[in-house]
Amino acid sequence: MPDPSPTCPAPAGESRDPRERILLAAGKEFAEHGYEAATVRDICGAAGVNVAAVNYYFGDKQRLYIESVKHAHEERLRQVPQPEWAPGTPAADKLRDFVGSLLERMLGSGQAPWQVKLMMREVLHPTEACRELVEDYIRPHFGILLGVLDELAGGELPPSEVRRVGLSIIGQCFLYRAAGDVVAMLVPPGELDAFHTPAAIADHVTRFALAALGVAEPLARPHSDHVPGRVS
């Protein structure tokens, strides 16, 4: 039987780190089958490790699930990182960049990767993994968005209103991930291809938010299909 220790040989083409292999296999299994139906035996088989490896690295199946959800989010952030801005970048462009990268992580290239599928399962049916995901990743990123919105509003809106606008932005983006098939049924195909790409949606959501804030500041950069951190 394979040794669960870090010296366990890796299957061809995969990470040599057994813990990393388990997280990858677990994420895919949990994304496809859900927490209850996914089994430790199947996960360890896919990872090429002994079933004792889950206890060795994670303690139990529940902790493995939580870590696999967080790992999935980390992977998407590596693929599409949060934008960074040079001093003096207009706040409207910051907002456009933020929304663009968020949509790129959610929608990818038209086909959701397993990481997004796993996180969608967790967001729609939250467990303790969702709480840790929010505290470790989502809340800090939301704070960046709120900071940009507050900058746009000149600090004149109460925090509750800034949060409400921020949640509206997230909601508009989330619609395309959670109900993308319904959107495709409602919108003519030509219009869908022209006006509902991630870049076009990002432009629209940004202008929508600027109007909600009563900001007339235009986007300094023209529409583009490129978003910061996008994997080409």
C-alpha atoms as a PDB file:
ATOM      1  CA  MET A   1       0.000   0.000   0.000  1.00  0.00           C
ATOM      2  CA  PRO A   2       1.227   3.553  -0.698  1.00  0.00           C
ATOM      3  CA  ASP A   3       2.906   5.286   2.213  1.00  0.00           C
ATOM      4  CA  PRO A   4       0.930   8.363   3.404  1.00  0.00           C
ATOM      5  CA  SER A   5       4.138  10.154   4.361  1.00  0.00           C
ATOM      6  CA  PRO A   6       5.492  13.066   2.290  1.00  0.00           C
ATOM      7  CA  THR A   7       7.951  10.654   0.605  1.00  0.00           C
ATOM      8  CA  CYS A   8       5.110   8.823  -1.178  1.00  0.00           C
ATOM      9  CA  PRO A   9       5.852   8.699  -4.949  1.00  0.00           C
ATOM     10  CA  ALA A  10       3.516  10.779  -7.096  1.00  0.00           C
ATOM     11  CA  PRO A  11       1.553   9.477 -10.079  1.00  0.00           C
ATOM     12  CA  ALA A  12       3.084  10.583 -13.394  1.00  0.00           C
ATOM     13  CA  GLY A  13       2.465  14.244 -14.125  1.00  0.00           C
ATOM     14  CA  GLU A  14       1.082  15.092 -10.678  1.00  0.00           C
ATOM     15  CA  SER A  15       2.428  16.933  -7.630  1.00  0.00           C
ATOM     16  CA  ARG A  16       4.993  15.056  -5.567  1.00  0.00           C
ATOM     17  CA  ASP A  17       3.360  16.412  -2.409  1.00  0.00           C
ATOM     18  CA  PRO A  18       0.795  13.879  -1.145  1.00  0.00           C
ATOM     19  CA  ARG A  19      -1.162  16.566   0.717  1.00  0.00           C
ATOM     20  CA  GLU A  20      -1.503  18.598  -2.471  1.00  0.00           C
ATOM     21  CA  ARG A  21      -2.605  15.512  -4.421  1.00  0.00           C
ATOM     22  CA  ILE A  22      -5.243  14.718  -1.798  1.00  0.00           C
ATOM     23  CA  LEU A  23      -6.613  18.285  -1.902  1.00  0.00           C
ATOM     24  CA  LEU A  24      -6.820  18.181  -5.685  1.00  0.00           C
ATOM     25  CA  ALA A  25      -8.534  14.796  -5.746  1.00  0.00           C
ATOM     26  CA  ALA A  26     -10.867  15.757  -2.894  1.00  0.00           C
ATOM     27  CA  GLY A  27     -11.873  19.016  -4.559  1.00  0.00           C
ATOM     28  CA  LYS A  28     -12.832  17.230  -7.750  1.00  0.00           C
ATOM     29  CA  GLU A  29     -14.743  14.496  -5.898  1.00  0.00           C
ATOM     30  CA  PHE A  30     -16.615  16.934  -3.641  1.00  0.00           C
ATOM     31  CA  ALA A  31     -17.415  19.194  -6.619  1.00  0.00           C
ATOM     32  CA  GLU A  32     -18.849  16.303  -8.597  1.00  0.00           C
ATOM     33  CA  HIS A  33     -20.626  14.307  -5.883  1.00  0.00           C
ATOM     34  CA  GLY A  34     -21.062  16.584  -2.864  1.00  0.00           C
ATOM     35  CA  TYR A  35     -19.793  16.030   0.656  1.00  0.00           C
ATOM     36  CA  GLU A  36     -22.015  13.097   1.624  1.00  0.00           C
ATOM     37  CA  ALA A  37     -21.583  11.039  -1.541  1.00  0.00           C
ATOM     38  CA  ALA A  38     -17.840  11.555  -1.948  1.00  0.00           C
ATOM     39  CA  THR A  39     -15.810   8.890  -0.140  1.00  0.00           C
ATOM     40  CA  VAL A  40     -12.378   9.020   1.442  1.00  0.00           C
ATOM     41  CA  ARG A  41     -11.502   5.766  -0.318  1.00  0.00           C
ATOM     42  CA  ASP A  42     -12.259   7.196  -3.762  1.00  0.00           C
ATOM     43  CA  ILE A  43     -10.400  10.405  -2.959  1.00  0.00           C
ATOM     44  CA  CYS A  44      -7.308   8.553  -1.776  1.00  0.00           C
ATOM     45  CA  GLY A  45      -7.475   6.220  -4.757  1.00  0.00           C
ATOM     46  CA  ALA A  46      -7.494   9.177  -7.128  1.00  0.00           C
ATOM     47  CA  ALA A  47      -4.625  10.780  -5.203  1.00  0.00           C
ATOM     48  CA  GLY A  48      -2.556   7.582  -5.152  1.00  0.00           C
ATOM     49  CA  VAL A  49      -2.240   7.443  -1.367  1.00  0.00           C
ATOM     50  CA  ASN A  50      -3.280   5.146   1.452  1.00  0.00           C
ATOM     51  CA  VAL A  51      -6.687   5.908   3.060  1.00  0.00           C
ATOM     52  CA  ALA A  52      -4.792   6.602   6.289  1.00  0.00           C
ATOM     53  CA  ALA A  53      -3.336   9.686   4.581  1.00  0.00           C
ATOM     54  CA  VAL A  54      -6.504  11.708   5.159  1.00  0.00           C
ATOM     55  CA  ASN A  55      -6.206  11.256   8.915  1.00  0.00           C
ATOM     56  CA  TYR A  56      -2.445  11.852   8.695  1.00  0.00           C
ATOM     57  CA  TYR A  57      -2.762  15.221   6.913  1.00  0.00           C
ATOM     58  CA  PHE A  58      -6.252  16.473   7.801  1.00  0.00           C
ATOM     59  CA  GLY A  59      -7.655  14.580  10.766  1.00  0.00           C
ATOM     60  CA  ASP A  60     -11.003  13.651   9.239  1.00  0.00           C
ATOM     61  CA  LYS A  61     -13.224  13.969   6.181  1.00  0.00           C
ATOM     62  CA  GLN A  62     -14.877  17.180   7.379  1.00  0.00           C
ATOM     63  CA  ARG A  63     -11.559  18.988   7.769  1.00  0.00           C
ATOM     64  CA  LEU A  64     -10.488  17.654   4.378  1.00  0.00           C
ATOM     65  CA  TYR A  65     -13.646  19.121   2.862  1.00  0.00           C
ATOM     66  CA  ILE A  66     -13.066  22.531   4.462  1.00  0.00           C
ATOM     67  CA  GLU A  67      -9.458  22.615   3.298  1.00  0.00           C
ATOM     68  CA  SER A  68     -10.414  21.503  -0.213  1.00  0.00           C
ATOM     69  CA  VAL A  69     -12.926  24.373  -0.529  1.00  0.00           C
ATOM     70  CA  LYS A  70     -10.306  26.885   0.624  1.00  0.00           C
ATOM     71  CA  HIS A  71      -7.729  25.303  -1.683  1.00  0.00           C
ATOM     72  CA  ALA A  72     -10.133  25.621  -4.608  1.00  0.00           C
ATOM     73  CA  HIS A  73     -10.505  29.331  -3.938  1.00  0.00           C
ATOM     74  CA  GLU A  74      -6.736  29.742  -3.647  1.00  0.00           C
ATOM     75  CA  GLU A  75      -6.301  28.021  -7.014  1.00  0.00           C
ATOM     76  CA  ARG A  76      -8.737  30.385  -8.711  1.00  0.00           C
ATOM     77  CA  LEU A  77      -6.957  33.357  -7.152  1.00  0.00           C
ATOM     78  CA  ARG A  78      -3.660  32.083  -8.527  1.00  0.00           C
ATOM     79  CA  GLN A  79      -5.228  31.721 -11.962  1.00  0.00           C
ATOM     80  CA  VAL A  80      -6.957  35.127 -11.821  1.00  0.00           C
ATOM     81  CA  PRO A  81      -5.377  37.232  -9.069  1.00  0.00           C
ATOM     82  CA  GLN A  82      -6.831  40.338  -7.546  1.00  0.00           C
ATOM     83  CA  PRO A  83      -5.811  43.440  -9.517  1.00  0.00           C
ATOM     84  CA  GLU A  84      -3.116  45.752  -8.177  1.00  0.00           C
ATOM     85  CA  TRP A  85      -3.171  49.448  -9.015  1.00  0.00           C
ATOM     86  CA  ALA A  86      -0.496  52.052  -9.496  1.00  0.00           C
ATOM     87  CA  PRO A  87      -0.845  55.259  -7.478  1.00  0.00           C
ATOM     88  CA  GLY A  88      -3.213  57.656  -9.165  1.00  0.00           C
ATOM     89  CA  THR A  89      -5.346  54.999 -10.880  1.00  0.00           C
ATOM     90  CA  PRO A  90      -8.879  56.434 -11.270  1.00  0.00           C
ATOM     91  CA  ALA A  91     -11.360  54.870  -8.865  1.00  0.00           C
ATOM     92  CA  ALA A  92     -13.732  54.005 -11.737  1.00  0.00           C
ATOM     93  CA  ASP A  93     -10.992  51.971 -13.396  1.00  0.00           C
ATOM     94  CA  LYS A  94     -10.258  50.240 -10.107  1.00  0.00           C
ATOM     95  CA  LEU A  95     -13.901  49.234  -9.903  1.00  0.00           C
ATOM     96  CA  ARG A  96     -13.879  47.981 -13.506  1.00  0.00           C
ATOM     97  CA  ASP A  97     -10.745  45.932 -12.828  1.00  0.00           C
ATOM     98  CA  PHE A  98     -12.191  44.461  -9.633  1.00  0.00           C
ATOM     99  CA  VAL A  99     -15.459  43.470 -11.321  1.00  0.00           C
ATOM    100  CA  GLY A 100     -13.617  42.109 -14.348  1.00  0.00           C
ATOM    101  CA  SER A 101     -11.373  39.846 -12.302  1.00  0.00           C
ATOM    102  CA  LEU A 102     -14.330  38.667 -10.198  1.00  0.00           C
ATOM    103  CA  LEU A 103     -16.274  37.710 -13.330  1.00  0.00           C
ATOM    104  CA  GLU A 104     -13.253  35.993 -14.830  1.00  0.00           C
ATOM    105  CA  ARG A 105     -12.870  33.840 -11.722  1.00  0.00           C
ATOM    106  CA  MET A 106     -16.589  33.022 -11.765  1.00  0.00           C
ATOM    107  CA  LEU A 107     -17.042  32.426 -15.484  1.00  0.00           C
ATOM    108  CA  GLY A 108     -13.607  31.468 -16.759  1.00  0.00           C
ATOM    109  CA  SER A 109     -13.611  30.865 -20.497  1.00  0.00           C
ATOM    110  CA  GLY A 110     -17.255  29.813 -20.718  1.00  0.00           C
ATOM    111  CA  GLN A 111     -16.774  26.456 -18.989  1.00  0.00           C
ATOM    112  CA  ALA A 112     -16.712  26.455 -15.196  1.00  0.00           C
ATOM    113  CA  PRO A 113     -13.681  24.625 -13.740  1.00  0.00           C
ATOM    114  CA  TRP A 114     -14.229  22.224 -10.873  1.00  0.00           C
ATOM    115  CA  GLN A 115     -13.018  24.828  -8.403  1.00  0.00           C
ATOM    116  CA  VAL A 116     -15.946  27.111  -9.241  1.00  0.00           C
ATOM    117  CA  LYS A 117     -18.376  24.188  -9.106  1.00  0.00           C
ATOM    118  CA  LEU A 118     -17.166  23.242  -5.628  1.00  0.00           C
ATOM    119  CA  MET A 119     -17.416  26.793  -4.320  1.00  0.00           C
ATOM    120  CA  MET A 120     -20.878  27.174  -5.850  1.00  0.00           C
ATOM    121  CA  ARG A 121     -22.006  24.069  -3.961  1.00  0.00           C
ATOM    122  CA  GLU A 122     -20.718  25.592  -0.757  1.00  0.00           C
ATOM    123  CA  VAL A 123     -22.210  29.056  -1.306  1.00  0.00           C
ATOM    124  CA  LEU A 124     -25.641  27.635  -2.142  1.00  0.00           C
ATOM    125  CA  HIS A 125     -25.568  25.137   0.741  1.00  0.00           C
ATOM    126  CA  PRO A 126     -23.210  26.684   3.326  1.00  0.00           C
ATOM    127  CA  THR A 127     -21.322  24.634   5.876  1.00  0.00           C
ATOM    128  CA  GLU A 128     -18.475  25.532   8.218  1.00  0.00           C
ATOM    129  CA  ALA A 129     -16.286  25.639   5.114  1.00  0.00           C
ATOM    130  CA  CYS A 130     -18.239  28.659   3.890  1.00  0.00           C
ATOM    131  CA  ARG A 131     -17.659  30.497   7.174  1.00  0.00           C
ATOM    132  CA  GLU A 132     -13.897  29.957   6.941  1.00  0.00           C
ATOM    133  CA  LEU A 133     -13.916  30.884   3.246  1.00  0.00           C
ATOM    134  CA  VAL A 134     -15.703  34.144   4.038  1.00  0.00           C
ATOM    135  CA  GLU A 135     -13.393  35.069   6.911  1.00  0.00           C
ATOM    136  CA  ASP A 136     -10.138  34.114   5.187  1.00  0.00           C
ATOM    137  CA  TYR A 137     -10.808  35.316   1.639  1.00  0.00           C
ATOM    138  CA  ILE A 138     -14.200  36.775   0.751  1.00  0.00           C
ATOM    139  CA  ARG A 139     -14.404  39.385   3.530  1.00  0.00           C
ATOM    140  CA  PRO A 140     -10.940  40.852   2.765  1.00  0.00           C
ATOM    141  CA  HIS A 141     -11.767  41.027  -0.957  1.00  0.00           C
ATOM    142  CA  PHE A 142     -15.133  42.599  -0.202  1.00  0.00           C
ATOM    143  CA  GLY A 143     -13.277  45.143   1.902  1.00  0.00           C
ATOM    144  CA  ILE A 144     -11.214  46.102  -1.152  1.00  0.00           C
ATOM    145  CA  LEU A 145     -14.425  46.631  -3.129  1.00  0.00           C
ATOM    146  CA  LEU A 146     -15.938  48.735  -0.341  1.00  0.00           C
ATOM    147  CA  GLY A 147     -12.808  50.861  -0.232  1.00  0.00           C
ATOM    148  CA  VAL A 148     -13.068  51.578  -3.955  1.00  0.00           C
ATOM    149  CA  LEU A 149     -16.769  52.415  -3.659  1.00  0.00           C
ATOM    150  CA  ASP A 150     -16.116  54.722  -0.711  1.00  0.00           C
ATOM    151  CA  GLU A 151     -13.426  56.456  -2.761  1.00  0.00           C
ATOM    152  CA  LEU A 152     -15.893  56.943  -5.607  1.00  0.00           C
ATOM    153  CA  ALA A 153     -18.508  58.324  -3.228  1.00  0.00           C
ATOM    154  CA  GLY A 154     -15.993  60.697  -1.677  1.00  0.00           C
ATOM    155  CA  GLY A 155     -16.654  59.225   1.765  1.00  0.00           C
ATOM    156  CA  GLU A 156     -20.093  60.827   1.815  1.00  0.00           C
ATOM    157  CA  LEU A 157     -22.222  57.656   2.001  1.00  0.00           C
ATOM    158  CA  PRO A 158     -22.876  55.748   5.248  1.00  0.00           C
ATOM    159  CA  PRO A 159     -21.117  52.371   5.449  1.00  0.00           C
ATOM    160  CA  SER A 160     -24.465  50.555   5.252  1.00  0.00           C
ATOM    161  CA  GLU A 161     -25.186  52.110   1.851  1.00  0.00           C
ATOM    162  CA  VAL A 162     -21.695  51.388   0.561  1.00  0.00           C
ATOM    163  CA  ARG A 163     -22.119  47.751   1.610  1.00  0.00           C
ATOM    164  CA  ARG A 164     -25.503  47.605  -0.117  1.00  0.00           C
ATOM    165  CA  VAL A 165     -24.012  48.852  -3.374  1.00  0.00           C
ATOM    166  CA  GLY A 166     -21.153  46.368  -2.980  1.00  0.00           C
ATOM    167  CA  LEU A 167     -23.564  43.483  -2.474  1.00  0.00           C
ATOM    168  CA  SER A 168     -25.555  44.608  -5.521  1.00  0.00           C
ATOM    169  CA  ILE A 169     -22.385  44.421  -7.600  1.00  0.00           C
ATOM    170  CA  ILE A 170     -21.619  40.923  -6.333  1.00  0.00           C
ATOM    171  CA  GLY A 171     -25.222  39.903  -6.979  1.00  0.00           C
ATOM    172  CA  GLN A 172     -25.151  41.064 -10.599  1.00  0.00           C
ATOM    173  CA  CYS A 173     -21.989  39.056 -11.215  1.00  0.00           C
ATOM    174  CA  PHE A 174     -23.273  36.019  -9.329  1.00  0.00           C
ATOM    175  CA  LEU A 175     -26.390  35.875 -11.512  1.00  0.00           C
ATOM    176  CA  TYR A 176     -24.302  34.888 -14.521  1.00  0.00           C
ATOM    177  CA  ARG A 177     -22.645  32.069 -12.584  1.00  0.00           C
ATOM    178  CA  ALA A 178     -25.682  30.744 -10.699  1.00  0.00           C
ATOM    179  CA  ALA A 179     -28.246  31.181 -13.492  1.00  0.00           C
ATOM    180  CA  GLY A 180     -26.152  31.325 -16.644  1.00  0.00           C
ATOM    181  CA  ASP A 181     -28.385  28.815 -18.434  1.00  0.00           C
ATOM    182  CA  VAL A 182     -31.465  30.912 -17.668  1.00  0.00           C
ATOM    183  CA  VAL A 183     -29.705  34.038 -18.932  1.00  0.00           C
ATOM    184  CA  ALA A 184     -28.937  32.181 -22.174  1.00  0.00           C
ATOM    185  CA  MET A 185     -32.646  31.327 -22.543  1.00  0.00           C
ATOM    186  CA  LEU A 186     -33.714  34.942 -22.014  1.00  0.00           C
ATOM    187  CA  VAL A 187     -31.202  36.631 -24.306  1.00  0.00           C
ATOM    188  CA  PRO A 188     -31.006  36.131 -28.117  1.00  0.00           C
ATOM    189  CA  PRO A 189     -27.807  34.279 -29.152  1.00  0.00           C
ATOM    190  CA  GLY A 190     -26.303  37.205 -31.088  1.00  0.00           C
ATOM    191  CA  GLU A 191     -26.922  39.555 -28.196  1.00  0.00           C
ATOM    192  CA  LEU A 192     -25.517  37.040 -25.728  1.00  0.00           C
ATOM    193  CA  ASP A 193     -22.227  36.798 -27.627  1.00  0.00           C
ATOM    194  CA  ALA A 194     -21.919  40.558 -28.107  1.00  0.00           C
ATOM    195  CA  PHE A 195     -23.094  41.995 -24.806  1.00  0.00           C
ATOM    196  CA  HIS A 196     -22.750  39.270 -22.181  1.00  0.00           C
ATOM    197  CA  THR A 197     -19.083  38.321 -22.322  1.00  0.00           C
ATOM    198  CA  PRO A 198     -17.213  38.720 -19.012  1.00  0.00           C
ATOM    199  CA  ALA A 199     -15.610  41.951 -20.262  1.00  0.00           C
ATOM    200  CA  ALA A 200     -18.896  43.423 -21.483  1.00  0.00           C
ATOM    201  CA  ILE A 201     -20.670  42.469 -18.254  1.00  0.00           C
ATOM    202  CA  ALA A 202     -17.871  44.079 -16.250  1.00  0.00           C
ATOM    203  CA  ASP A 203     -18.302  47.333 -18.162  1.00  0.00           C
ATOM    204  CA  HIS A 204     -22.067  47.253 -17.651  1.00  0.00           C
ATOM    205  CA  VAL A 205     -21.902  46.437 -13.931  1.00  0.00           C
ATOM    206  CA  THR A 206     -19.316  49.176 -13.417  1.00  0.00           C
ATOM    207  CA  ARG A 207     -21.455  51.811 -15.136  1.00  0.00           C
ATOM    208  CA  PHE A 208     -24.499  50.576 -13.217  1.00  0.00           C
ATOM    209  CA  ALA A 209     -22.641  51.018  -9.925  1.00  0.00           C
ATOM    210  CA  LEU A 210     -21.319  54.441 -10.886  1.00  0.00           C
ATOM    211  CA  ALA A 211     -24.865  55.557 -11.651  1.00  0.00           C
ATOM    212  CA  ALA A 212     -26.093  54.153  -8.333  1.00  0.00           C
ATOM    213  CA  LEU A 213     -23.431  56.175  -6.557  1.00  0.00           C
ATOM    214  CA  GLY A 214     -24.328  59.291  -8.547  1.00  0.00           C
ATOM    215  CA  VAL A 215     -20.826  59.392  -9.998  1.00  0.00           C
ATOM    216  CA  ALA A 216     -20.380  60.814 -13.480  1.00  0.00           C
ATOM    217  CA  GLU A 217     -16.743  59.705 -13.646  1.00  0.00           C
ATOM    218  CA  PRO A 218     -16.179  57.874 -16.971  1.00  0.00           C
ATOM    219  CA  LEU A 219     -14.021  54.832 -17.428  1.00  0.00           C
ATOM    220  CA  ALA A 220     -10.568  56.040 -18.418  1.00  0.00           C
ATOM    221  CA  ARG A 221      -9.813  52.857 -20.348  1.00  0.00           C
ATOM    222  CA  PRO A 222     -12.001  51.606 -23.224  1.00  0.00           C
ATOM    223  CA  HIS A 223     -13.806  48.279 -23.216  1.00  0.00           C
ATOM    224  CA  SER A 224     -11.448  45.328 -23.568  1.00  0.00           C
ATOM    225  CA  ASP A 225     -11.688  41.572 -23.320  1.00  0.00           C
ATOM    226  CA  HIS A 226      -8.574  41.620 -21.138  1.00  0.00           C
ATOM    227  CA  VAL A 227      -8.891  41.559 -17.376  1.00  0.00           C
ATOM    228  CA  PRO A 228      -5.929  41.742 -14.973  1.00  0.00           C
ATOM    229  CA  GLY A 229      -4.609  38.280 -14.139  1.00  0.00           C
ATOM    230  CA  ARG A 230      -6.606  36.563 -16.888  1.00  0.00           C
ATOM    231  CA  VAL A 231      -5.127  33.256 -18.016  1.00  0.00           C
ATOM    232  CA  SER A 232      -4.938  33.294 -21.813  1.00  0.00           C
END
